Amino acid sequence: MFVWYKFLISILICLAIGFFSSFFTRDSISGWFKKLKKPKFNPPNYLFGPVWTLLYIMMGITLYLLWQNSAWIAILFFIIQLVLNFFWSYIFFTLKKLSWAFIEIIFLWIMIIVTIIISYPISALAAYLMIPYILWVSFASILNYSIFRLNR
């Protein structure tokens, strides 16, 4: 049975994480980040907002599906990866610690994989909705490492 308030809360939690983590990036994008050497495959800055918004909505649907099934262990891992997601922006853009951010994004990547694996038996759809996210974080990991290497 669809429970609209759980659905709304789940989406809003994920979008709020994205919104608040964007405060770490806003000032850096036009300043510090703009001055960094970047690989040729670095996407244009305008692409990140729409991609992350879509990913956070998909993550919110995943959270809703887990909540609907009272999958508390899966929700715990989901929350862990969401917290890691939030702090990556802080480490990369505010602390400007590219190597630390790379280490942190590896832990994020692992927690997303664990969340997908744990979620699949509960809701295959919840797990499938996380696939674009793990693909994007995989790309972001390569990008993070490349920027780190180019700016050592």
N, C-alpha and C. Protein backbone atom coordinates (compact mmCIF):
# COMPACT_ATOMS: atom_id res chain seq x y z
N MET A 1 0.83 -1.18 0.00
CA MET A 1 0.00 0.00 0.00
C MET A 1 0.88 1.25 0.00
N PHE A 2 0.60 2.16 -0.89
CA PHE A 2 1.37 3.40 -1.01
C PHE A 2 1.02 4.33 0.15
N VAL A 3 2.06 4.80 0.84
CA VAL A 3 1.88 5.74 1.96
C VAL A 3 2.56 7.04 1.55
N TRP A 4 1.73 8.01 1.16
CA TRP A 4 2.25 9.23 0.54
C TRP A 4 3.20 10.00 1.45
N TYR A 5 2.92 10.08 2.78
CA TYR A 5 3.77 10.87 3.65
C TYR A 5 5.16 10.23 3.80
N LYS A 6 5.24 8.90 3.82
CA LYS A 6 6.54 8.23 3.86
C LYS A 6 7.31 8.48 2.56
N PHE A 7 6.59 8.45 1.46
CA PHE A 7 7.20 8.72 0.16
C PHE A 7 7.77 10.14 0.14
N LEU A 8 6.97 11.10 0.55
CA LEU A 8 7.38 12.51 0.55
C LEU A 8 8.57 12.73 1.49
N ILE A 9 8.49 12.18 2.69
CA ILE A 9 9.59 12.33 3.66
C ILE A 9 10.87 11.72 3.11
N SER A 10 10.77 10.56 2.50
CA SER A 10 11.95 9.88 1.95
C SER A 10 12.62 10.71 0.86
N ILE A 11 11.81 11.26 -0.04
CA ILE A 11 12.35 12.10 -1.12
C ILE A 11 12.97 13.36 -0.53
N LEU A 12 12.26 13.99 0.42
CA LEU A 12 12.74 15.24 1.00
C LEU A 12 14.04 15.05 1.79
N ILE A 13 14.20 13.94 2.46
CA ILE A 13 15.44 13.66 3.19
C ILE A 13 16.62 13.66 2.21
N CYS A 14 16.47 12.93 1.14
CA CYS A 14 17.56 12.83 0.17
C CYS A 14 17.83 14.16 -0.53
N LEU A 15 16.77 14.85 -0.93
CA LEU A 15 16.96 16.15 -1.56
C LEU A 15 17.58 17.16 -0.59
N ALA A 16 17.23 17.07 0.69
CA ALA A 16 17.81 17.97 1.69
C ALA A 16 19.31 17.74 1.83
N ILE A 17 19.73 16.49 1.80
CA ILE A 17 21.17 16.19 1.86
C ILE A 17 21.87 16.84 0.67
N GLY A 18 21.30 16.71 -0.50
CA GLY A 18 21.88 17.34 -1.68
C GLY A 18 21.89 18.85 -1.58
N PHE A 19 20.79 19.41 -1.09
CA PHE A 19 20.69 20.87 -0.96
C PHE A 19 21.74 21.40 0.01
N PHE A 20 21.84 20.78 1.18
CA PHE A 20 22.78 21.28 2.18
C PHE A 20 24.24 21.02 1.79
N SER A 21 24.50 19.93 1.11
CA SER A 21 25.88 19.69 0.68
C SER A 21 26.27 20.64 -0.44
N SER A 22 25.29 21.18 -1.15
CA SER A 22 25.62 22.14 -2.22
C SER A 22 26.19 23.44 -1.67
N PHE A 23 25.94 23.73 -0.40
CA PHE A 23 26.53 24.93 0.20
C PHE A 23 28.06 24.84 0.24
N PHE A 24 28.58 23.62 0.31
CA PHE A 24 30.03 23.43 0.31
C PHE A 24 30.63 23.70 -1.06
N THR A 25 29.84 23.47 -2.10
CA THR A 25 30.38 23.58 -3.46
C THR A 25 30.22 24.95 -4.08
N ARG A 26 29.18 25.66 -3.72
CA ARG A 26 28.83 26.92 -4.41
C ARG A 26 29.98 27.90 -4.52
N ASP A 27 30.61 28.23 -3.41
CA ASP A 27 31.69 29.22 -3.43
C ASP A 27 32.93 28.69 -4.13
N SER A 28 33.18 27.41 -4.00
CA SER A 28 34.39 26.82 -4.57
C SER A 28 34.34 26.69 -6.09
N ILE A 29 33.16 26.48 -6.65
CA ILE A 29 33.03 26.23 -8.09
C ILE A 29 33.61 27.39 -8.90
N SER A 30 33.27 28.60 -8.53
CA SER A 30 33.74 29.75 -9.30
C SER A 30 35.11 30.23 -8.85
N GLY A 31 35.63 29.72 -7.77
CA GLY A 31 36.93 30.16 -7.26
C GLY A 31 37.97 29.06 -7.33
N TRP A 32 38.16 28.41 -6.22
CA TRP A 32 39.21 27.39 -6.07
C TRP A 32 39.09 26.28 -7.11
N PHE A 33 37.92 25.71 -7.27
CA PHE A 33 37.73 24.58 -8.19
C PHE A 33 38.01 24.97 -9.63
N LYS A 34 37.63 26.17 -10.00
CA LYS A 34 37.84 26.65 -11.36
C LYS A 34 39.33 26.68 -11.72
N LYS A 35 40.18 26.93 -10.74
CA LYS A 35 41.62 27.05 -10.96
C LYS A 35 42.33 25.70 -11.01
N LEU A 36 41.67 24.64 -10.59
CA LEU A 36 42.30 23.32 -10.59
C LEU A 36 42.48 22.79 -12.02
N LYS A 37 43.52 21.99 -12.20
CA LYS A 37 43.68 21.25 -13.46
C LYS A 37 42.70 20.09 -13.41
N LYS A 38 42.01 19.89 -14.53
CA LYS A 38 41.02 18.82 -14.59
C LYS A 38 41.26 17.96 -15.83
N PRO A 39 40.88 16.70 -15.77
CA PRO A 39 41.04 15.83 -16.95
C PRO A 39 40.08 16.24 -18.05
N LYS A 40 40.36 15.80 -19.24
CA LYS A 40 39.53 16.14 -20.41
C LYS A 40 38.10 15.65 -20.27
N PHE A 41 37.90 14.58 -19.51
CA PHE A 41 36.57 14.01 -19.36
C PHE A 41 35.75 14.67 -18.24
N ASN A 42 36.26 15.75 -17.66
CA ASN A 42 35.51 16.47 -16.63
C ASN A 42 34.24 17.09 -17.25
N PRO A 43 33.06 16.72 -16.73
CA PRO A 43 31.83 17.27 -17.31
C PRO A 43 31.70 18.77 -17.01
N PRO A 44 30.88 19.47 -17.79
CA PRO A 44 30.63 20.88 -17.49
C PRO A 44 29.88 21.01 -16.16
N ASN A 45 30.15 22.10 -15.45
CA ASN A 45 29.56 22.30 -14.12
C ASN A 45 28.03 22.28 -14.13
N TYR A 46 27.40 22.76 -15.20
CA TYR A 46 25.94 22.83 -15.23
C TYR A 46 25.29 21.45 -15.23
N LEU A 47 26.04 20.41 -15.52
CA LEU A 47 25.49 19.06 -15.57
C LEU A 47 25.28 18.47 -14.17
N PHE A 48 26.08 18.88 -13.21
CA PHE A 48 26.05 18.25 -11.89
C PHE A 48 24.72 18.45 -11.15
N GLY A 49 24.16 19.64 -11.20
CA GLY A 49 22.90 19.90 -10.48
C GLY A 49 21.76 19.00 -10.93
N PRO A 50 21.45 18.96 -12.23
CA PRO A 50 20.35 18.09 -12.68
C PRO A 50 20.62 16.59 -12.42
N VAL A 51 21.86 16.16 -12.64
CA VAL A 51 22.18 14.75 -12.41
C VAL A 51 21.97 14.40 -10.95
N TRP A 52 22.53 15.22 -10.05
CA TRP A 52 22.39 14.92 -8.62
C TRP A 52 20.94 15.00 -8.17
N THR A 53 20.18 15.94 -8.69
CA THR A 53 18.76 16.03 -8.31
C THR A 53 18.03 14.75 -8.67
N LEU A 54 18.23 14.26 -9.88
CA LEU A 54 17.61 13.01 -10.30
C LEU A 54 18.07 11.85 -9.43
N LEU A 55 19.36 11.78 -9.15
CA LEU A 55 19.88 10.70 -8.31
C LEU A 55 19.30 10.75 -6.90
N TYR A 56 19.19 11.95 -6.32
CA TYR A 56 18.61 12.07 -4.97
C TYR A 56 17.14 11.66 -4.96
N ILE A 57 16.41 11.96 -6.02
CA ILE A 57 15.01 11.52 -6.09
C ILE A 57 14.94 10.00 -6.16
N MET A 58 15.79 9.40 -6.98
CA MET A 58 15.82 7.93 -7.07
C MET A 58 16.23 7.31 -5.74
N MET A 59 17.19 7.94 -5.06
CA MET A 59 17.59 7.46 -3.74
C MET A 59 16.42 7.57 -2.76
N GLY A 60 15.66 8.66 -2.86
CA GLY A 60 14.50 8.83 -2.00
C GLY A 60 13.46 7.74 -2.21
N ILE A 61 13.26 7.36 -3.45
CA ILE A 61 12.32 6.26 -3.74
C ILE A 61 12.85 4.96 -3.13
N THR A 62 14.16 4.75 -3.24
CA THR A 62 14.76 3.58 -2.61
C THR A 62 14.50 3.58 -1.11
N LEU A 63 14.76 4.72 -0.46
CA LEU A 63 14.52 4.82 0.98
C LEU A 63 13.06 4.51 1.31
N TYR A 64 12.15 5.05 0.52
CA TYR A 64 10.73 4.79 0.73
C TYR A 64 10.42 3.29 0.66
N LEU A 65 10.95 2.62 -0.37
CA LEU A 65 10.69 1.19 -0.54
C LEU A 65 11.25 0.38 0.63
N LEU A 66 12.40 0.78 1.12
CA LEU A 66 12.98 0.09 2.28
C LEU A 66 12.15 0.34 3.53
N TRP A 67 11.71 1.57 3.69
CA TRP A 67 10.88 1.95 4.84
C TRP A 67 9.55 1.19 4.80
N GLN A 68 8.96 1.10 3.62
CA GLN A 68 7.69 0.38 3.47
C GLN A 68 7.82 -1.09 3.89
N ASN A 69 9.01 -1.64 3.72
CA ASN A 69 9.25 -3.04 4.07
C ASN A 69 9.87 -3.20 5.45
N SER A 70 9.96 -2.10 6.20
CA SER A 70 10.58 -2.12 7.53
C SER A 70 11.95 -2.80 7.51
N ALA A 71 12.73 -2.48 6.50
CA ALA A 71 14.05 -3.08 6.30
C ALA A 71 15.09 -2.23 7.03
N TRP A 72 15.13 -2.35 8.33
CA TRP A 72 15.91 -1.44 9.16
C TRP A 72 17.42 -1.57 8.95
N ILE A 73 17.92 -2.76 8.71
CA ILE A 73 19.36 -2.92 8.45
C ILE A 73 19.71 -2.26 7.12
N ALA A 74 18.90 -2.47 6.11
CA ALA A 74 19.13 -1.83 4.82
C ALA A 74 19.05 -0.31 4.96
N ILE A 75 18.10 0.17 5.75
CA ILE A 75 17.97 1.62 5.98
C ILE A 75 19.21 2.15 6.69
N LEU A 76 19.75 1.40 7.63
CA LEU A 76 20.97 1.81 8.33
C LEU A 76 22.11 2.00 7.34
N PHE A 77 22.31 1.04 6.45
CA PHE A 77 23.38 1.18 5.45
C PHE A 77 23.07 2.30 4.47
N PHE A 78 21.80 2.48 4.15
CA PHE A 78 21.41 3.60 3.29
C PHE A 78 21.79 4.92 3.95
N ILE A 79 21.49 5.05 5.23
CA ILE A 79 21.82 6.29 5.97
C ILE A 79 23.32 6.49 6.02
N ILE A 80 24.09 5.43 6.24
CA ILE A 80 25.55 5.55 6.28
C ILE A 80 26.07 6.09 4.95
N GLN A 81 25.59 5.54 3.84
CA GLN A 81 26.07 6.02 2.55
C GLN A 81 25.60 7.45 2.29
N LEU A 82 24.43 7.81 2.79
CA LEU A 82 23.92 9.17 2.61
C LEU A 82 24.78 10.18 3.39
N VAL A 83 25.18 9.81 4.59
CA VAL A 83 26.07 10.66 5.39
C VAL A 83 27.43 10.80 4.70
N LEU A 84 27.96 9.71 4.19
CA LEU A 84 29.23 9.77 3.46
C LEU A 84 29.10 10.64 2.22
N ASN A 85 27.98 10.54 1.55
CA ASN A 85 27.71 11.38 0.38
C ASN A 85 27.79 12.85 0.77
N PHE A 86 27.15 13.21 1.86
CA PHE A 86 27.14 14.59 2.34
C PHE A 86 28.57 15.08 2.65
N PHE A 87 29.33 14.27 3.35
CA PHE A 87 30.65 14.73 3.79
C PHE A 87 31.70 14.75 2.69
N TRP A 88 31.47 14.03 1.59
CA TRP A 88 32.43 14.11 0.50
C TRP A 88 32.55 15.55 0.00
N SER A 89 31.43 16.22 -0.19
CA SER A 89 31.44 17.61 -0.67
C SER A 89 32.21 18.51 0.29
N TYR A 90 32.00 18.29 1.56
CA TYR A 90 32.70 19.10 2.58
C TYR A 90 34.21 18.88 2.49
N ILE A 91 34.62 17.62 2.42
CA ILE A 91 36.05 17.30 2.37
C ILE A 91 36.69 17.84 1.10
N PHE A 92 36.03 17.64 -0.02
CA PHE A 92 36.59 18.05 -1.31
C PHE A 92 36.56 19.57 -1.48
N PHE A 93 35.40 20.19 -1.30
CA PHE A 93 35.25 21.60 -1.64
C PHE A 93 35.56 22.57 -0.51
N THR A 94 35.31 22.21 0.73
CA THR A 94 35.56 23.13 1.84
C THR A 94 36.96 22.92 2.40
N LEU A 95 37.28 21.68 2.73
CA LEU A 95 38.62 21.40 3.25
C LEU A 95 39.67 21.40 2.15
N LYS A 96 39.23 21.20 0.90
CA LYS A 96 40.12 21.15 -0.26
C LYS A 96 41.19 20.06 -0.11
N LYS A 97 40.77 18.94 0.45
CA LYS A 97 41.64 17.79 0.67
C LYS A 97 41.29 16.73 -0.38
N LEU A 98 41.90 16.82 -1.53
CA LEU A 98 41.56 15.94 -2.65
C LEU A 98 41.86 14.48 -2.34
N SER A 99 42.97 14.22 -1.67
CA SER A 99 43.32 12.84 -1.34
C SER A 99 42.36 12.27 -0.30
N TRP A 100 42.02 13.06 0.71
CA TRP A 100 41.05 12.60 1.72
C TRP A 100 39.70 12.34 1.07
N ALA A 101 39.31 13.23 0.17
CA ALA A 101 38.02 13.07 -0.52
C ALA A 101 38.02 11.77 -1.33
N PHE A 102 39.15 11.44 -1.94
CA PHE A 102 39.21 10.20 -2.70
C PHE A 102 39.05 8.99 -1.78
N ILE A 103 39.72 9.00 -0.65
CA ILE A 103 39.58 7.90 0.31
C ILE A 103 38.13 7.81 0.79
N GLU A 104 37.54 8.94 1.08
CA GLU A 104 36.17 8.98 1.56
C GLU A 104 35.19 8.45 0.50
N ILE A 105 35.42 8.81 -0.76
CA ILE A 105 34.49 8.37 -1.82
C ILE A 105 34.60 6.86 -2.05
N ILE A 106 35.76 6.28 -1.74
CA ILE A 106 35.89 4.82 -1.82
C ILE A 106 34.99 4.16 -0.76
N PHE A 107 35.00 4.72 0.45
CA PHE A 107 34.10 4.21 1.50
C PHE A 107 32.64 4.41 1.09
N LEU A 108 32.33 5.55 0.49
CA LEU A 108 30.98 5.80 -0.01
C LEU A 108 30.60 4.74 -1.03
N TRP A 109 31.49 4.48 -1.98
CA TRP A 109 31.25 3.49 -3.03
C TRP A 109 30.94 2.12 -2.42
N ILE A 110 31.74 1.73 -1.44
CA ILE A 110 31.54 0.43 -0.77
C ILE A 110 30.18 0.38 -0.08
N MET A 111 29.81 1.46 0.60
CA MET A 111 28.52 1.48 1.31
C MET A 111 27.34 1.46 0.33
N ILE A 112 27.50 2.08 -0.83
CA ILE A 112 26.43 2.01 -1.84
C ILE A 112 26.28 0.57 -2.32
N ILE A 113 27.40 -0.09 -2.60
CA ILE A 113 27.35 -1.50 -3.03
C ILE A 113 26.69 -2.36 -1.96
N VAL A 114 27.07 -2.17 -0.70
CA VAL A 114 26.47 -2.94 0.39
C VAL A 114 24.96 -2.66 0.46
N THR A 115 24.58 -1.40 0.31
CA THR A 115 23.16 -1.04 0.34
C THR A 115 22.40 -1.73 -0.79
N ILE A 116 22.99 -1.75 -1.98
CA ILE A 116 22.35 -2.42 -3.11
C ILE A 116 22.19 -3.92 -2.82
N ILE A 117 23.24 -4.55 -2.35
CA ILE A 117 23.21 -5.99 -2.08
C ILE A 117 22.18 -6.33 -1.00
N ILE A 118 22.16 -5.55 0.07
CA ILE A 118 21.22 -5.82 1.17
C ILE A 118 19.78 -5.52 0.74
N SER A 119 19.61 -4.50 -0.11
CA SER A 119 18.27 -4.08 -0.53
C SER A 119 17.62 -5.05 -1.52
N TYR A 120 18.43 -5.69 -2.33
CA TYR A 120 17.89 -6.51 -3.43
C TYR A 120 16.87 -7.56 -2.97
N PRO A 121 17.17 -8.35 -1.94
CA PRO A 121 16.16 -9.35 -1.53
C PRO A 121 14.88 -8.72 -0.96
N ILE A 122 15.00 -7.49 -0.48
CA ILE A 122 13.85 -6.81 0.12
C ILE A 122 12.98 -6.18 -0.98
N SER A 123 13.67 -5.50 -1.91
CA SER A 123 12.98 -4.84 -3.02
C SER A 123 13.97 -4.71 -4.17
N ALA A 124 13.76 -5.51 -5.18
CA ALA A 124 14.65 -5.44 -6.35
C ALA A 124 14.61 -4.04 -6.95
N LEU A 125 13.44 -3.41 -6.96
CA LEU A 125 13.33 -2.06 -7.50
C LEU A 125 14.19 -1.08 -6.71
N ALA A 126 14.20 -1.20 -5.39
CA ALA A 126 15.04 -0.33 -4.55
C ALA A 126 16.51 -0.49 -4.94
N ALA A 127 16.93 -1.71 -5.15
CA ALA A 127 18.33 -1.96 -5.55
C ALA A 127 18.60 -1.40 -6.94
N TYR A 128 17.69 -1.63 -7.87
CA TYR A 128 17.88 -1.15 -9.25
C TYR A 128 17.95 0.37 -9.31
N LEU A 129 17.17 1.03 -8.46
CA LEU A 129 17.18 2.50 -8.45
C LEU A 129 18.52 3.07 -7.98
N MET A 130 19.32 2.26 -7.33
CA MET A 130 20.64 2.70 -6.85
C MET A 130 21.73 2.50 -7.92
N ILE A 131 21.43 1.80 -8.99
CA ILE A 131 22.45 1.53 -10.01
C ILE A 131 22.95 2.80 -10.70
N PRO A 132 22.09 3.72 -11.12
CA PRO A 132 22.64 4.96 -11.70
C PRO A 132 23.52 5.73 -10.72
N TYR A 133 23.17 5.66 -9.45
CA TYR A 133 23.94 6.33 -8.40
C TYR A 133 25.33 5.71 -8.27
N ILE A 134 25.42 4.39 -8.22
CA ILE A 134 26.74 3.76 -8.10
C ILE A 134 27.57 4.02 -9.36
N LEU A 135 26.92 4.07 -10.50
CA LEU A 135 27.66 4.38 -11.74
C LEU A 135 28.20 5.80 -11.69
N TRP A 136 27.39 6.75 -11.24
CA TRP A 136 27.83 8.14 -11.15
C TRP A 136 28.94 8.29 -10.11
N VAL A 137 28.81 7.63 -8.97
CA VAL A 137 29.85 7.71 -7.94
C VAL A 137 31.12 7.01 -8.42
N SER A 138 30.99 5.99 -9.22
CA SER A 138 32.18 5.35 -9.81
C SER A 138 32.91 6.35 -10.71
N PHE A 139 32.14 7.04 -11.55
CA PHE A 139 32.72 8.08 -12.40
C PHE A 139 33.32 9.20 -11.55
N ALA A 140 32.59 9.63 -10.52
CA ALA A 140 33.08 10.70 -9.64
C ALA A 140 34.37 10.28 -8.93
N SER A 141 34.49 9.01 -8.61
CA SER A 141 35.71 8.50 -7.96
C SER A 141 36.91 8.64 -8.90
N ILE A 142 36.71 8.26 -10.14
CA ILE A 142 37.78 8.38 -11.14
C ILE A 142 38.12 9.85 -11.36
N LEU A 143 37.10 10.68 -11.41
CA LEU A 143 37.31 12.12 -11.58
C LEU A 143 38.05 12.70 -10.39
N ASN A 144 37.64 12.35 -9.18
CA ASN A 144 38.30 12.81 -7.96
C ASN A 144 39.77 12.42 -7.98
N TYR A 145 40.05 11.16 -8.29
CA TYR A 145 41.43 10.70 -8.32
C TYR A 145 42.24 11.44 -9.39
N SER A 146 41.65 11.64 -10.54
CA SER A 146 42.34 12.32 -11.63
C SER A 146 42.66 13.77 -11.26
N ILE A 147 41.72 14.46 -10.65
CA ILE A 147 41.96 15.84 -10.22
C ILE A 147 43.05 15.87 -9.15
N PHE A 148 43.00 14.92 -8.24
CA PHE A 148 44.04 14.82 -7.21
C PHE A 148 45.43 14.65 -7.86
N ARG A 149 45.52 13.72 -8.79
CA ARG A 149 46.82 13.45 -9.45
C ARG A 149 47.32 14.65 -10.23
N LEU A 150 46.43 15.36 -10.91
CA LEU A 150 46.82 16.50 -11.72
C LEU A 150 47.23 17.72 -10.90
N ASN A 151 46.82 17.75 -9.64
CA ASN A 151 47.05 18.94 -8.80
C ASN A 151 47.92 18.67 -7.58
N ARG A 152 48.71 17.63 -7.61
CA ARG A 152 49.60 17.33 -6.49
C ARG A 152 50.76 18.29 -6.46
